[in-house]
PDB file of N, CA and C in Angstrom:
ATOM      1  N   UNK A   1     112.888  94.719  79.125  1.00  0.00           N
ATOM      2  CA  UNK A   1     111.998  95.742  79.602  1.00  0.00           C
ATOM      3  C   UNK A   1     110.550  95.395  79.239  1.00  0.00           C
ATOM      4  N   UNK A   2     109.695  95.645  80.170  1.00  0.00           N
ATOM      5  CA  UNK A   2     108.266  95.429  79.936  1.00  0.00           C
ATOM      6  C   UNK A   2     107.613  96.789  79.691  1.00  0.00           C
ATOM      7  N   UNK A   3     107.073  96.966  78.511  1.00  0.00           N
ATOM      8  CA  UNK A   3     106.384  98.208  78.156  1.00  0.00           C
ATOM      9  C   UNK A   3     104.949  97.854  77.848  1.00  0.00           C
ATOM     10  N   UNK A   4     104.014  98.508  78.564  1.00  0.00           N
ATOM     11  CA  UNK A   4     102.596  98.238  78.357  1.00  0.00           C
ATOM     12  C   UNK A   4     101.820  99.528  78.322  1.00  0.00           C
ATOM     13  N   UNK A   5     100.733  99.519  77.567  1.00  0.00           N
ATOM     14  CA  UNK A   5      99.871 100.693  77.518  1.00  0.00           C
ATOM     15  C   UNK A   5      98.460 100.278  77.939  1.00  0.00           C
ATOM     16  N   UNK A   6      97.832 101.180  78.686  1.00  0.00           N
ATOM     17  CA  UNK A   6      96.514 100.935  79.253  1.00  0.00           C
ATOM     18  C   UNK A   6      95.604 102.129  78.975  1.00  0.00           C
ATOM     19  N   UNK A   7      94.314 101.885  79.032  1.00  0.00           N
ATOM     20  CA  UNK A   7      93.328 102.939  79.127  1.00  0.00           C
ATOM     21  C   UNK A   7      92.836 102.923  80.559  1.00  0.00           C
ATOM     22  N   UNK A   8      92.971 104.033  81.236  1.00  0.00           N
ATOM     23  CA  UNK A   8      92.521 104.141  82.631  1.00  0.00           C
ATOM     24  C   UNK A   8      91.238 104.982  82.651  1.00  0.00           C
ATOM     25  N   UNK A   9      90.187 104.377  83.168  1.00  0.00           N
ATOM     26  CA  UNK A   9      88.882 105.040  83.266  1.00  0.00           C
ATOM     27  C   UNK A   9      88.631 105.410  84.731  1.00  0.00           C
ATOM     28  N   UNK A  10      88.482 106.693  85.031  1.00  0.00           N
ATOM     29  CA  UNK A  10      88.239 107.106  86.417  1.00  0.00           C
ATOM     30  C   UNK A  10      86.748 106.990  86.778  1.00  0.00           C
ATOM     31  N   UNK A  11      86.491 106.952  88.078  1.00  0.00           N
ATOM     32  CA  UNK A  11      85.119 107.081  88.529  1.00  0.00           C
ATOM     33  C   UNK A  11      84.629 108.479  88.190  1.00  0.00           C
ATOM     34  N   UNK A  12      83.337 108.643  88.101  1.00  0.00           N
ATOM     35  CA  UNK A  12      82.728 109.924  87.734  1.00  0.00           C
ATOM     36  C   UNK A  12      83.242 111.042  88.637  1.00  0.00           C
ATOM     37  N   UNK A  13      83.718 112.102  87.998  1.00  0.00           N
ATOM     38  CA  UNK A  13      84.205 113.279  88.727  1.00  0.00           C
ATOM     39  C   UNK A  13      85.569 113.134  89.357  1.00  0.00           C
ATOM     40  N   UNK A  14      86.295 112.041  89.081  1.00  0.00           N
ATOM     41  CA  UNK A  14      87.583 111.815  89.713  1.00  0.00           C
ATOM     42  C   UNK A  14      88.759 111.725  88.743  1.00  0.00           C
ATOM     43  N   UNK A  15      88.561 112.285  87.562  1.00  0.00           N
ATOM     44  CA  UNK A  15      89.640 112.236  86.563  1.00  0.00           C
ATOM     45  C   UNK A  15      90.899 112.963  87.045  1.00  0.00           C
ATOM     46  N   UNK A  16      90.742 114.172  87.599  1.00  0.00           N
ATOM     47  CA  UNK A  16      91.896 114.934  88.065  1.00  0.00           C
ATOM     48  C   UNK A  16      92.620 114.195  89.201  1.00  0.00           C
ATOM     49  N   UNK A  17      91.874 113.605  90.096  1.00  0.00           N
ATOM     50  CA  UNK A  17      92.482 112.866  91.198  1.00  0.00           C
ATOM     51  C   UNK A  17      93.301 111.686  90.655  1.00  0.00           C
ATOM     52  N   UNK A  18      92.736 110.957  89.683  1.00  0.00           N
ATOM     53  CA  UNK A  18      93.453 109.829  89.097  1.00  0.00           C
ATOM     54  C   UNK A  18      94.709 110.305  88.368  1.00  0.00           C
ATOM     55  N   UNK A  19      94.594 111.415  87.647  1.00  0.00           N
ATOM     56  CA  UNK A  19      95.768 111.961  86.965  1.00  0.00           C
ATOM     57  C   UNK A  19      96.882 112.245  87.947  1.00  0.00           C
ATOM     58  N   UNK A  20      96.549 112.886  89.061  1.00  0.00           N
ATOM     59  CA  UNK A  20      97.554 113.213  90.075  1.00  0.00           C
ATOM     60  C   UNK A  20      98.154 111.976  90.690  1.00  0.00           C
ATOM     61  N   UNK A  21      97.361 110.943  90.953  1.00  0.00           N
ATOM     62  CA  UNK A  21      97.889 109.696  91.500  1.00  0.00           C
ATOM     63  C   UNK A  21      98.837 109.019  90.523  1.00  0.00           C
ATOM     64  N   UNK A  22      98.492 109.014  89.265  1.00  0.00           N
ATOM     65  CA  UNK A  22      99.353 108.399  88.248  1.00  0.00           C
ATOM     66  C   UNK A  22     100.632 109.184  88.033  1.00  0.00           C
ATOM     67  N   UNK A  23     100.544 110.522  88.081  1.00  0.00           N
ATOM     68  CA  UNK A  23     101.727 111.347  87.911  1.00  0.00           C
ATOM     69  C   UNK A  23     102.740 111.142  89.035  1.00  0.00           C
ATOM     70  N   UNK A  24     102.288 110.719  90.185  1.00  0.00           N
ATOM     71  CA  UNK A  24     103.175 110.516  91.337  1.00  0.00           C
ATOM     72  C   UNK A  24     104.017 109.245  91.191  1.00  0.00           C
ATOM     73  N   UNK A  25     103.670 108.392  90.249  1.00  0.00           N
ATOM     74  CA  UNK A  25     104.381 107.121  90.077  1.00  0.00           C
ATOM     75  C   UNK A  25     105.552 107.265  89.119  1.00  0.00           C
ATOM     76  N   UNK A  26     106.656 106.538  89.432  1.00  0.00           N
ATOM     77  CA  UNK A  26     107.730 106.511  88.447  1.00  0.00           C
ATOM     78  C   UNK A  26     107.456 105.333  87.507  1.00  0.00           C
ATOM     79  N   UNK A  27     108.112 105.294  86.394  1.00  0.00           N
ATOM     80  CA  UNK A  27     107.931 104.284  85.355  1.00  0.00           C
ATOM     81  C   UNK A  27     106.599 104.409  84.633  1.00  0.00           C
ATOM     82  N   UNK A  28     105.979 105.584  84.708  1.00  0.00           N
ATOM     83  CA  UNK A  28     104.685 105.806  84.051  1.00  0.00           C
ATOM     84  C   UNK A  28     104.699 107.122  83.286  1.00  0.00           C
ATOM     85  N   UNK A  29     104.027 107.122  82.160  1.00  0.00           N
ATOM     86  CA  UNK A  29     103.746 108.333  81.394  1.00  0.00           C
ATOM     87  C   UNK A  29     102.234 108.338  81.170  1.00  0.00           C
ATOM     88  N   UNK A  30     101.621 109.513  81.243  1.00  0.00           N
ATOM     89  CA  UNK A  30     100.184 109.591  81.002  1.00  0.00           C
ATOM     90  C   UNK A  30      99.860 110.634  79.971  1.00  0.00           C
ATOM     91  N   UNK A  31      98.740 110.411  79.265  1.00  0.00           N
ATOM     92  CA  UNK A  31      98.183 111.380  78.340  1.00  0.00           C
ATOM     93  C   UNK A  31      96.687 111.405  78.605  1.00  0.00           C
ATOM     94  N   UNK A  32      96.198 112.459  79.267  1.00  0.00           N
ATOM     95  CA  UNK A  32      94.768 112.571  79.526  1.00  0.00           C
ATOM     96  C   UNK A  32      94.030 112.984  78.235  1.00  0.00           C
ATOM     97  N   UNK A  33      92.900 112.343  77.974  1.00  0.00           N
ATOM     98  CA  UNK A  33      92.059 112.776  76.860  1.00  0.00           C
ATOM     99  C   UNK A  33      91.473 114.134  77.178  1.00  0.00           C
ATOM    100  N   UNK A  34      91.355 114.989  76.185  1.00  0.00           N
ATOM    101  CA  UNK A  34      90.821 116.321  76.418  1.00  0.00           C
ATOM    102  C   UNK A  34      89.294 116.344  76.432  1.00  0.00           C
ATOM    103  N   UNK A  35      88.665 115.410  75.734  1.00  0.00           N
ATOM    104  CA  UNK A  35      87.219 115.466  75.605  1.00  0.00           C
ATOM    105  C   UNK A  35      86.479 114.268  76.191  1.00  0.00           C
ATOM    106  N   UNK A  36      87.174 113.379  76.847  1.00  0.00           N
ATOM    107  CA  UNK A  36      86.552 112.179  77.428  1.00  0.00           C
ATOM    108  C   UNK A  36      87.184 111.917  78.807  1.00  0.00           C
ATOM    109  N   UNK A  37      86.477 111.146  79.621  1.00  0.00           N
ATOM    110  CA  UNK A  37      87.055 110.752  80.906  1.00  0.00           C
ATOM    111  C   UNK A  37      87.839 109.466  80.749  1.00  0.00           C
ATOM    112  N   UNK A  38      88.986 109.595  80.120  1.00  0.00           N
ATOM    113  CA  UNK A  38      89.886 108.467  79.920  1.00  0.00           C
ATOM    114  C   UNK A  38      91.320 108.992  79.913  1.00  0.00           C
ATOM    115  N   UNK A  39      92.236 108.160  80.383  1.00  0.00           N
ATOM    116  CA  UNK A  39      93.640 108.517  80.427  1.00  0.00           C
ATOM    117  C   UNK A  39      94.432 107.404  79.797  1.00  0.00           C
ATOM    118  N   UNK A  40      95.356 107.751  78.886  1.00  0.00           N
ATOM    119  CA  UNK A  40      96.277 106.771  78.343  1.00  0.00           C
ATOM    120  C   UNK A  40      97.456 106.677  79.298  1.00  0.00           C
ATOM    121  N   UNK A  41      97.763 105.455  79.700  1.00  0.00           N
ATOM    122  CA  UNK A  41      98.852 105.195  80.644  1.00  0.00           C
ATOM    123  C   UNK A  41      99.854 104.259  79.991  1.00  0.00           C
ATOM    124  N   UNK A  42     101.117 104.632  79.959  1.00  0.00           N
ATOM    125  CA  UNK A  42     102.174 103.805  79.430  1.00  0.00           C
ATOM    126  C   UNK A  42     103.142 103.510  80.571  1.00  0.00           C
ATOM    127  N   UNK A  43     103.394 102.229  80.803  1.00  0.00           N
ATOM    128  CA  UNK A  43     104.335 101.834  81.850  1.00  0.00           C
ATOM    129  C   UNK A  43     105.582 101.248  81.204  1.00  0.00           C
ATOM    130  N   UNK A  44     106.731 101.491  81.807  1.00  0.00           N
ATOM    131  CA  UNK A  44     108.019 100.979  81.321  1.00  0.00           C
ATOM    132  C   UNK A  44     108.774 100.486  82.529  1.00  0.00           C
ATOM    133  N   UNK A  45     108.810  99.180  82.732  1.00  0.00           N
ATOM    134  CA  UNK A  45     109.461  98.584  83.887  1.00  0.00           C
ATOM    135  C   UNK A  45     110.553  97.631  83.442  1.00  0.00           C
ATOM    136  N   UNK A  46     111.400  97.253  84.376  1.00  0.00           N
ATOM    137  CA  UNK A  46     112.537  96.363  84.071  1.00  0.00           C
ATOM    138  C   UNK A  46     112.127  94.934  83.790  1.00  0.00           C
ATOM    139  N   UNK A  47     110.988  94.511  84.330  1.00  0.00           N
ATOM    140  CA  UNK A  47     110.578  93.111  84.172  1.00  0.00           C
ATOM    141  C   UNK A  47     109.068  92.989  84.257  1.00  0.00           C
ATOM    142  N   UNK A  48     108.562  91.831  83.866  1.00  0.00           N
ATOM    143  CA  UNK A  48     107.135  91.585  83.981  1.00  0.00           C
ATOM    144  C   UNK A  48     106.720  91.567  85.440  1.00  0.00           C
ATOM    145  N   UNK A  49     107.573  91.074  86.324  1.00  0.00           N
ATOM    146  CA  UNK A  49     107.195  91.035  87.741  1.00  0.00           C
ATOM    147  C   UNK A  49     107.113  92.465  88.316  1.00  0.00           C
ATOM    148  N   UNK A  50     108.017  93.353  87.907  1.00  0.00           N
ATOM    149  CA  UNK A  50     107.936  94.760  88.322  1.00  0.00           C
ATOM    150  C   UNK A  50     106.653  95.393  87.798  1.00  0.00           C
ATOM    151  N   UNK A  51     106.283  95.055  86.567  1.00  0.00           N
ATOM    152  CA  UNK A  51     105.073  95.588  85.968  1.00  0.00           C
ATOM    153  C   UNK A  51     103.844  95.087  86.728  1.00  0.00           C
ATOM    154  N   UNK A  52     103.839  93.814  87.112  1.00  0.00           N
ATOM    155  CA  UNK A  52     102.717  93.266  87.873  1.00  0.00           C
ATOM    156  C   UNK A  52     102.549  94.015  89.202  1.00  0.00           C
ATOM    157  N   UNK A  53     103.666  94.309  89.873  1.00  0.00           N
ATOM    158  CA  UNK A  53     103.604  95.053  91.133  1.00  0.00           C
ATOM    159  C   UNK A  53     103.047  96.443  90.907  1.00  0.00           C
ATOM    160  N   UNK A  54     103.511  97.121  89.880  1.00  0.00           N
ATOM    161  CA  UNK A  54     103.030  98.452  89.559  1.00  0.00           C
ATOM    162  C   UNK A  54     101.535  98.433  89.226  1.00  0.00           C
ATOM    163  N   UNK A  55     101.109  97.463  88.428  1.00  0.00           N
ATOM    164  CA  UNK A  55      99.692  97.363  88.050  1.00  0.00           C
ATOM    165  C   UNK A  55      98.825  97.110  89.280  1.00  0.00           C
ATOM    166  N   UNK A  56      99.264  96.238  90.156  1.00  0.00           N
ATOM    167  CA  UNK A  56      98.499  95.963  91.385  1.00  0.00           C
ATOM    168  C   UNK A  56      98.402  97.226  92.228  1.00  0.00           C
ATOM    169  N   UNK A  57      99.458  98.017  92.279  1.00  0.00           N
ATOM    170  CA  UNK A  57      99.403  99.268  93.061  1.00  0.00           C
ATOM    171  C   UNK A  57      98.403 100.254  92.439  1.00  0.00           C
ATOM    172  N   UNK A  58      98.454 100.379  91.117  1.00  0.00           N
ATOM    173  CA  UNK A  58      97.524 101.284  90.426  1.00  0.00           C
ATOM    174  C   UNK A  58      96.077 100.871  90.673  1.00  0.00           C
ATOM    175  N   UNK A  59      95.833  99.573  90.661  1.00  0.00           N
ATOM    176  CA  UNK A  59      94.464  99.059  90.864  1.00  0.00           C
ATOM    177  C   UNK A  59      93.915  99.331  92.248  1.00  0.00           C
ATOM    178  N   UNK A  60      94.745  99.796  93.193  1.00  0.00           N
ATOM    179  CA  UNK A  60      94.256 100.128  94.532  1.00  0.00           C
ATOM    180  C   UNK A  60      93.735 101.560  94.605  1.00  0.00           C
ATOM    181  N   UNK A  61      93.940 102.354  93.566  1.00  0.00           N
ATOM    182  CA  UNK A  61      93.474 103.749  93.579  1.00  0.00           C
ATOM    183  C   UNK A  61      91.958 103.786  93.613  1.00  0.00           C
ATOM    184  N   UNK A  62      91.397 104.491  94.582  1.00  0.00           N
ATOM    185  CA  UNK A  62      89.935 104.601  94.683  1.00  0.00           C
ATOM    186  C   UNK A  62      89.323 105.383  93.518  1.00  0.00           C
ATOM    187  N   UNK A  63      90.107 106.219  92.876  1.00  0.00           N
ATOM    188  CA  UNK A  63      89.609 107.008  91.758  1.00  0.00           C
ATOM    189  C   UNK A  63      89.513 106.204  90.461  1.00  0.00           C
ATOM    190  N   UNK A  64      90.138 105.037  90.433  1.00  0.00           N
ATOM    191  CA  UNK A  64      90.173 104.214  89.223  1.00  0.00           C
ATOM    192  C   UNK A  64      88.956 103.298  89.142  1.00  0.00           C
ATOM    193  N   UNK A  65      88.235 103.401  88.052  1.00  0.00           N
ATOM    194  CA  UNK A  65      87.077 102.536  87.822  1.00  0.00           C
ATOM    195  C   UNK A  65      87.488 101.293  87.036  1.00  0.00           C
ATOM    196  N   UNK A  66      88.324 101.466  85.981  1.00  0.00           N
ATOM    197  CA  UNK A  66      88.700 100.358  85.117  1.00  0.00           C
ATOM    198  C   UNK A  66      90.063 100.632  84.519  1.00  0.00           C
ATOM    199  N   UNK A  67      90.904  99.594  84.478  1.00  0.00           N
ATOM    200  CA  UNK A  67      92.209  99.677  83.831  1.00  0.00           C
ATOM    201  C   UNK A  67      92.238  98.598  82.750  1.00  0.00           C
ATOM    202  N   UNK A  68      92.301  99.005  81.494  1.00  0.00           N
ATOM    203  CA  UNK A  68      92.241  98.060  80.376  1.00  0.00           C
ATOM    204  C   UNK A  68      93.565  98.054  79.625  1.00  0.00           C
ATOM    205  N   UNK A  69      94.183  96.864  79.564  1.00  0.00           N
ATOM    206  CA  UNK A  69      95.442  96.698  78.824  1.00  0.00           C
ATOM    207  C   UNK A  69      95.149  96.816  77.331  1.00  0.00           C
ATOM    208  N   UNK A  70      95.918  97.674  76.660  1.00  0.00           N
ATOM    209  CA  UNK A  70      95.764  97.878  75.230  1.00  0.00           C
ATOM    210  C   UNK A  70      96.854  97.115  74.454  1.00  0.00           C
ATOM    211  N   UNK A  71      98.080  97.225  74.957  1.00  0.00           N
ATOM    212  CA  UNK A  71      99.205  96.590  74.274  1.00  0.00           C
ATOM    213  C   UNK A  71     100.333  96.374  75.275  1.00  0.00           C
ATOM    214  N   UNK A  72     101.075  95.309  75.034  1.00  0.00           N
ATOM    215  CA  UNK A  72     102.246  95.064  75.909  1.00  0.00           C
ATOM    216  C   UNK A  72     103.254  94.185  75.224  1.00  0.00           C
ATOM    217  N   UNK A  73     104.529  94.446  75.492  1.00  0.00           N
ATOM    218  CA  UNK A  73     105.588  93.571  75.010  1.00  0.00           C
ATOM    219  C   UNK A  73     106.758  93.612  75.940  1.00  0.00           C
ATOM    220  N   UNK A  74     107.568  92.602  75.850  1.00  0.00           N
ATOM    221  CA  UNK A  74     108.737  92.473  76.709  1.00  0.00           C
ATOM    222  C   UNK A  74     109.969  92.349  75.823  1.00  0.00           C
ATOM    223  N   UNK A  75     110.932  93.223  76.012  1.00  0.00           N
ATOM    224  CA  UNK A  75     112.162  93.187  75.242  1.00  0.00           C
ATOM    225  C   UNK A  75     113.235  92.507  76.082  1.00  0.00           C
ATOM    226  N   UNK A  76     113.662  91.322  75.675  1.00  0.00           N
ATOM    227  CA  UNK A  76     114.699  90.633  76.471  1.00  0.00           C
ATOM    228  C   UNK A  76     116.016  91.394  76.424  1.00  0.00           C
ATOM    229  N   UNK A  77     116.727  91.343  77.535  1.00  0.00           N
ATOM    230  CA  UNK A  77     118.042  91.993  77.613  1.00  0.00           C
ATOM    231  C   UNK A  77     119.046  91.096  76.910  1.00  0.00           C
ATOM    232  N   UNK A  78     119.966  91.714  76.168  1.00  0.00           N
ATOM    233  CA  UNK A  78     121.037  90.967  75.519  1.00  0.00           C
ATOM    234  C   UNK A  78     122.167  90.800  76.521  1.00  0.00           C
ATOM    235  N   UNK A  79     122.663  89.571  76.653  1.00  0.00           N
ATOM    236  CA  UNK A  79     123.806  89.307  77.527  1.00  0.00           C
ATOM    237  C   UNK A  79     125.053  89.417  76.682  1.00  0.00           C
ATOM    238  N   UNK A  80     125.710  90.578  76.774  1.00  0.00           N
ATOM    239  CA  UNK A  80     126.915  90.811  75.977  1.00  0.00           C
ATOM    240  C   UNK A  80     128.138  90.550  76.773  1.00  0.00           C
TER     241      UNK A  80
END
């Protein structure tokens, strides 16, 4: 599983729009800051390639100004 966390910075006045766009996605959890125009975004996908597709989709949002990766790791699946 690929789990990554990002800081999502919206364009001025578009925080609510970005929140709604991110909430519509599966494999994502968000935590909007209460006092700043920033959103914490955590993605949990099956693979790095799925995560790349999700990230590319998020980067198409017109309300998004900047998406900054904070942390990421990949947990290999055990073949039992």
